[in-house]
Every structure is written in C-alpha cells, then in structure tokens.
C-alpha cells in the first residue's frame, strides 16, 4: 500500500470535506430522494434520477477521501528541526535568474496543489527540481518553454 504524502492542513481539509459529505450532503440527498419518490412513477421522474446521480457522486467521493486518509502520511514540517533544505511541506522562495522574477511556493500533496495559491504538487517539475536542494543552490528546471535556472533564496518550515 503506497502512502500518500499530505500536509497537516491538507489532511484537515479532507477531513472537513468528509464530515460535510457524511453529515450534511448525504442527508440532503436522502431527503431529495424521499421527496422525489412521493411524486410517483420513478421511470419518468427527473428529480429522482438527478438525486440518484448526486448520491452516486457523493458516495464515490466519500470512499475516495476515506481511502486517501487511511493511506495518508501526514507531514507537519513545523515539528521538524529547521533546515535550509527543501522538503515536502516547506515554503521555498526562488528567483528566476533570467527574468529576476521572484516566487514563493509551498510543496504539497497532489490533492492540495493549487497553483493560484502557490501550492505546488510534490510531483510537479518545479517541486521535483527543488526537493533536497538548499538555500543558495542554483537549480535547472525543465519547463515546457525550455530549461530555466532558479536560485533558492529561502526555505522555511512554517
């Protein structure tokens, strides 16, 4: 069984979604099904079929979240001794050596990744190029537009 790396916040967000699906969404869908059944003939009852479809999506998502949480390897970088080394969960400030553009990313699990919030997947090319490197290192990242050189400016375990 492969463990799924996840930050503490990522695990908390999945747990919150699971609680919502089980305690709020599932009962809403059951009420919708009950109401739709009261309208009679189920063969031509669009509300009933829509509710059944929603129920399928909800139950599938519950199963996926439960599987991920049961295989989660939660990594809380705040509990690790500070280091200049880039690891899963760390915040990394980098500078593109050509454009001088600076960017800060947190390296997270696949489910947590959100590029708009500067959360990049551990499996992304940028993260793979940064992991295990240290502050001051120059790294070359292969991007769709070619190779780009970055300097690691700062590593934080927040």
C-alpha atoms as a PDB file:
ATOM      1  CA  UNK A   1       0.000   0.000   0.000  1.00  0.00           C
ATOM      2  CA  UNK A   2       1.503   3.323  -1.058  1.00  0.00           C
ATOM      3  CA  UNK A   3       1.378   6.110   1.467  1.00  0.00           C
ATOM      4  CA  UNK A   4       0.048   9.440   0.229  1.00  0.00           C
ATOM      5  CA  UNK A   5       2.105  12.396   1.467  1.00  0.00           C
ATOM      6  CA  UNK A   6      -0.088  15.158   2.832  1.00  0.00           C
ATOM      7  CA  UNK A   7       0.434  18.286   4.887  1.00  0.00           C
ATOM      8  CA  UNK A   8      -1.407  18.658   8.167  1.00  0.00           C
ATOM      9  CA  UNK A   9      -3.637  21.351   6.591  1.00  0.00           C
ATOM     10  CA  UNK A  10      -4.355  19.101   3.603  1.00  0.00           C
ATOM     11  CA  UNK A  11      -5.447  16.260   5.893  1.00  0.00           C
ATOM     12  CA  UNK A  12      -7.630  18.657   7.892  1.00  0.00           C
ATOM     13  CA  UNK A  13      -9.320  19.956   4.720  1.00  0.00           C
ATOM     14  CA  UNK A  14     -10.079  16.407   3.536  1.00  0.00           C
ATOM     15  CA  UNK A  15     -11.458  15.528   6.987  1.00  0.00           C
ATOM     16  CA  UNK A  16     -13.684  18.648   6.870  1.00  0.00           C
ATOM     17  CA  UNK A  17     -14.968  17.686   3.415  1.00  0.00           C
ATOM     18  CA  UNK A  18     -15.651  14.132   4.613  1.00  0.00           C
ATOM     19  CA  UNK A  19     -17.626  15.419   7.620  1.00  0.00           C
ATOM     20  CA  UNK A  20     -19.646  17.726   5.345  1.00  0.00           C
ATOM     21  CA  UNK A  21     -20.429  14.946   2.867  1.00  0.00           C
ATOM     22  CA  UNK A  22     -21.446  12.459   5.559  1.00  0.00           C
ATOM     23  CA  UNK A  23     -23.328  14.770   7.933  1.00  0.00           C
ATOM     24  CA  UNK A  24     -24.861  17.397   5.649  1.00  0.00           C
ATOM     25  CA  UNK A  25     -24.773  16.439   1.965  1.00  0.00           C
ATOM     26  CA  UNK A  26     -25.754  12.772   2.350  1.00  0.00           C
ATOM     27  CA  UNK A  27     -28.890  13.581   4.443  1.00  0.00           C
ATOM     28  CA  UNK A  28     -29.864  16.319   1.925  1.00  0.00           C
ATOM     29  CA  UNK A  29     -29.694  13.810  -0.922  1.00  0.00           C
ATOM     30  CA  UNK A  30     -31.720  11.257   1.036  1.00  0.00           C
ATOM     31  CA  UNK A  31     -34.412  13.903   1.647  1.00  0.00           C
ATOM     32  CA  UNK A  32     -34.423  14.729  -2.086  1.00  0.00           C
ATOM     33  CA  UNK A  33     -34.824  11.041  -2.953  1.00  0.00           C
ATOM     34  CA  UNK A  34     -37.690  10.666  -0.485  1.00  0.00           C
ATOM     35  CA  UNK A  35     -39.482  13.720  -1.896  1.00  0.00           C
ATOM     36  CA  UNK A  36     -38.934  12.552  -5.488  1.00  0.00           C
ATOM     37  CA  UNK A  37     -40.348   9.091  -4.687  1.00  0.00           C
ATOM     38  CA  UNK A  38     -43.512  10.744  -3.397  1.00  0.00           C
ATOM     39  CA  UNK A  39     -44.153  12.154  -6.877  1.00  0.00           C
ATOM     40  CA  UNK A  40     -44.980   8.701  -8.189  1.00  0.00           C
ATOM     41  CA  UNK A  41     -43.671   6.871 -11.262  1.00  0.00           C
ATOM     42  CA  UNK A  42     -39.872   6.691 -10.927  1.00  0.00           C
ATOM     43  CA  UNK A  43     -39.198   5.839 -14.581  1.00  0.00           C
ATOM     44  CA  UNK A  44     -40.018   9.342 -15.794  1.00  0.00           C
ATOM     45  CA  UNK A  45     -39.124  11.204 -12.619  1.00  0.00           C
ATOM     46  CA  UNK A  46     -36.205  13.520 -13.478  1.00  0.00           C
ATOM     47  CA  UNK A  47     -35.836  14.719  -9.862  1.00  0.00           C
ATOM     48  CA  UNK A  48     -35.452  11.160  -8.658  1.00  0.00           C
ATOM     49  CA  UNK A  49     -32.814  10.331 -11.297  1.00  0.00           C
ATOM     50  CA  UNK A  50     -30.915  13.555 -10.554  1.00  0.00           C
ATOM     51  CA  UNK A  51     -30.907  12.769  -6.827  1.00  0.00           C
ATOM     52  CA  UNK A  52     -29.694   9.198  -7.506  1.00  0.00           C
ATOM     53  CA  UNK A  53     -26.859  10.614  -9.620  1.00  0.00           C
ATOM     54  CA  UNK A  54     -25.907  13.056  -6.853  1.00  0.00           C
ATOM     55  CA  UNK A  55     -25.984  10.195  -4.377  1.00  0.00           C
ATOM     56  CA  UNK A  56     -23.561   8.220  -6.543  1.00  0.00           C
ATOM     57  CA  UNK A  57     -21.142  11.157  -6.796  1.00  0.00           C
ATOM     58  CA  UNK A  58     -21.355  11.796  -3.050  1.00  0.00           C
ATOM     59  CA  UNK A  59     -20.756   8.161  -2.057  1.00  0.00           C
ATOM     60  CA  UNK A  60     -17.881   7.881  -4.532  1.00  0.00           C
ATOM     61  CA  UNK A  61     -16.210  10.999  -3.111  1.00  0.00           C
ATOM     62  CA  UNK A  62     -16.675   9.710   0.458  1.00  0.00           C
ATOM     63  CA  UNK A  63     -14.942   6.449  -0.493  1.00  0.00           C
ATOM     64  CA  UNK A  64     -12.069   8.298  -2.198  1.00  0.00           C
ATOM     65  CA  UNK A  65     -11.500  10.604   0.775  1.00  0.00           C
ATOM     66  CA  UNK A  66     -11.645   7.734   3.269  1.00  0.00           C
ATOM     67  CA  UNK A  67      -9.107   5.780   1.194  1.00  0.00           C
ATOM     68  CA  UNK A  68      -6.773   8.775   0.970  1.00  0.00           C
ATOM     69  CA  UNK A  69      -6.992   9.497   4.687  1.00  0.00           C
ATOM     70  CA  UNK A  70      -6.393   5.852   5.591  1.00  0.00           C
ATOM     71  CA  UNK A  71      -3.235   5.874   3.454  1.00  0.00           C
ATOM     72  CA  UNK A  72      -2.131   9.389   4.373  1.00  0.00           C
ATOM     73  CA  UNK A  73       1.349  10.092   5.615  1.00  0.00           C
ATOM     74  CA  UNK A  74       0.738  13.434   7.326  1.00  0.00           C
ATOM     75  CA  UNK A  75       3.870  15.534   7.443  1.00  0.00           C
ATOM     76  CA  UNK A  76       3.901  18.535   9.777  1.00  0.00           C
ATOM     77  CA  UNK A  77       7.046  20.498   8.888  1.00  0.00           C
ATOM     78  CA  UNK A  78       6.616  22.728  11.952  1.00  0.00           C
ATOM     79  CA  UNK A  79       7.572  19.695  14.077  1.00  0.00           C
ATOM     80  CA  UNK A  80      10.818  19.124  12.153  1.00  0.00           C
ATOM     81  CA  UNK A  81      14.090  20.816  13.052  1.00  0.00           C
ATOM     82  CA  UNK A  82      14.570  23.883  10.818  1.00  0.00           C
ATOM     83  CA  UNK A  83      16.940  23.382   7.933  1.00  0.00           C
ATOM     84  CA  UNK A  84      17.949  25.126   4.725  1.00  0.00           C
ATOM     85  CA  UNK A  85      16.934  22.004   2.775  1.00  0.00           C
ATOM     86  CA  UNK A  86      13.781  21.912   0.620  1.00  0.00           C
ATOM     87  CA  UNK A  87      11.426  19.132   1.736  1.00  0.00           C
ATOM     88  CA  UNK A  88       7.761  18.205   1.377  1.00  0.00           C
ATOM     89  CA  UNK A  89       5.651  20.866   3.109  1.00  0.00           C
ATOM     90  CA  UNK A  90       8.306  23.572   3.145  1.00  0.00           C
ATOM     91  CA  UNK A  91       7.916  27.105   1.771  1.00  0.00           C
ATOM     92  CA  UNK A  92      10.513  27.885  -0.876  1.00  0.00           C
ATOM     93  CA  UNK A  93      11.349  31.332  -2.245  1.00  0.00           C
ATOM     94  CA  UNK A  94      13.090  31.219  -5.611  1.00  0.00           C
ATOM     95  CA  UNK A  95      14.325  33.696  -8.205  1.00  0.00           C
ATOM     96  CA  UNK A  96      14.340  33.127 -11.944  1.00  0.00           C
ATOM     97  CA  UNK A  97      17.905  34.068 -12.881  1.00  0.00           C
ATOM     98  CA  UNK A  98      16.920  35.272 -16.359  1.00  0.00           C
ATOM     99  CA  UNK A  99      13.837  37.368 -15.608  1.00  0.00           C
ATOM    100  CA  UNK A 100      14.756  38.177 -11.966  1.00  0.00           C
ATOM    101  CA  UNK A 101      11.150  37.271 -11.094  1.00  0.00           C
ATOM    102  CA  UNK A 102      10.768  36.013  -7.523  1.00  0.00           C
ATOM    103  CA  UNK A 103       8.176  33.472  -6.422  1.00  0.00           C
ATOM    104  CA  UNK A 104       7.338  31.601  -3.233  1.00  0.00           C
ATOM    105  CA  UNK A 105       5.779  28.125  -3.243  1.00  0.00           C
ATOM    106  CA  UNK A 106       4.722  25.551  -0.682  1.00  0.00           C
ATOM    107  CA  UNK A 107       5.355  21.964  -1.736  1.00  0.00           C
ATOM    108  CA  UNK A 108       2.245  19.889  -1.003  1.00  0.00           C
ATOM    109  CA  UNK A 109       0.488  16.656  -1.959  1.00  0.00           C
ATOM    110  CA  UNK A 110      -1.344  16.199  -5.255  1.00  0.00           C
ATOM    111  CA  UNK A 111      -4.787  16.822  -3.707  1.00  0.00           C
ATOM    112  CA  UNK A 112      -3.686  20.059  -2.070  1.00  0.00           C
ATOM    113  CA  UNK A 113      -1.984  21.588  -5.100  1.00  0.00           C
ATOM    114  CA  UNK A 114      -3.425  24.940  -6.207  1.00  0.00           C
ATOM    115  CA  UNK A 115      -1.081  26.951  -8.392  1.00  0.00           C
ATOM    116  CA  UNK A 116      -3.140  30.142  -7.890  1.00  0.00           C
ATOM    117  CA  UNK A 117      -2.385  29.905  -4.156  1.00  0.00           C
ATOM    118  CA  UNK A 118       1.277  28.987  -4.798  1.00  0.00           C
ATOM    119  CA  UNK A 119       0.708  25.421  -3.591  1.00  0.00           C
ATOM    120  CA  UNK A 120       2.617  23.098  -5.933  1.00  0.00           C
ATOM    121  CA  UNK A 121       2.428  19.332  -6.079  1.00  0.00           C
ATOM    122  CA  UNK A 122       5.409  17.307  -4.906  1.00  0.00           C
ATOM    123  CA  UNK A 123       5.141  15.618  -8.317  1.00  0.00           C
ATOM    124  CA  UNK A 124       5.384  18.852 -10.343  1.00  0.00           C
ATOM    125  CA  UNK A 125       8.585  19.530 -12.302  1.00  0.00           C
ATOM    126  CA  UNK A 126       9.375  22.592 -10.162  1.00  0.00           C
ATOM    127  CA  UNK A 127       8.978  20.712  -6.866  1.00  0.00           C
ATOM    128  CA  UNK A 128      10.964  17.700  -8.105  1.00  0.00           C
ATOM    129  CA  UNK A 129      13.769  20.054  -9.104  1.00  0.00           C
ATOM    130  CA  UNK A 130      13.769  21.828  -5.738  1.00  0.00           C
ATOM    131  CA  UNK A 131      13.391  18.955  -3.259  1.00  0.00           C
ATOM    132  CA  UNK A 132      16.595  18.119  -1.354  1.00  0.00           C
ATOM    133  CA  UNK A 133      18.310  21.315  -2.537  1.00  0.00           C
ATOM    134  CA  UNK A 134      19.375  24.072  -0.126  1.00  0.00           C
ATOM    135  CA  UNK A 135      19.260  27.856   0.176  1.00  0.00           C
ATOM    136  CA  UNK A 136      21.742  29.398  -2.233  1.00  0.00           C
ATOM    137  CA  UNK A 137      21.662  26.455  -4.642  1.00  0.00           C
ATOM    138  CA  UNK A 138      21.117  27.082  -8.357  1.00  0.00           C
ATOM    139  CA  UNK A 139      18.697  24.591  -9.901  1.00  0.00           C
ATOM    140  CA  UNK A 140      17.763  23.981 -13.519  1.00  0.00           C
ATOM    141  CA  UNK A 141      14.092  23.151 -14.053  1.00  0.00           C
ATOM    142  CA  UNK A 142      12.833  21.715 -17.325  1.00  0.00           C
ATOM    143  CA  UNK A 143       9.682  23.566 -18.330  1.00  0.00           C
ATOM    144  CA  UNK A 144       7.542  23.375 -21.489  1.00  0.00           C
ATOM    145  CA  UNK A 145       9.368  26.508 -22.673  1.00  0.00           C
ATOM    146  CA  UNK A 146      12.832  25.035 -22.069  1.00  0.00           C
ATOM    147  CA  UNK A 147      15.240  24.908 -19.162  1.00  0.00           C
ATOM    148  CA  UNK A 148      15.054  27.679 -16.565  1.00  0.00           C
ATOM    149  CA  UNK A 149      17.642  28.458 -13.885  1.00  0.00           C
ATOM    150  CA  UNK A 150      16.448  29.385 -10.408  1.00  0.00           C
ATOM    151  CA  UNK A 151      18.283  30.343  -7.251  1.00  0.00           C
ATOM    152  CA  UNK A 152      16.797  29.133  -3.986  1.00  0.00           C
ATOM    153  CA  UNK A 153      16.582  32.284  -1.859  1.00  0.00           C
ATOM    154  CA  UNK A 154      14.894  30.993   1.280  1.00  0.00           C
ATOM    155  CA  UNK A 155      13.494  27.769   2.760  1.00  0.00           C
ATOM    156  CA  UNK A 156      11.010  27.936   5.625  1.00  0.00           C
ATOM    157  CA  UNK A 157       9.291  25.252   7.678  1.00  0.00           C
ATOM    158  CA  UNK A 158       6.058  27.089   8.545  1.00  0.00           C
END
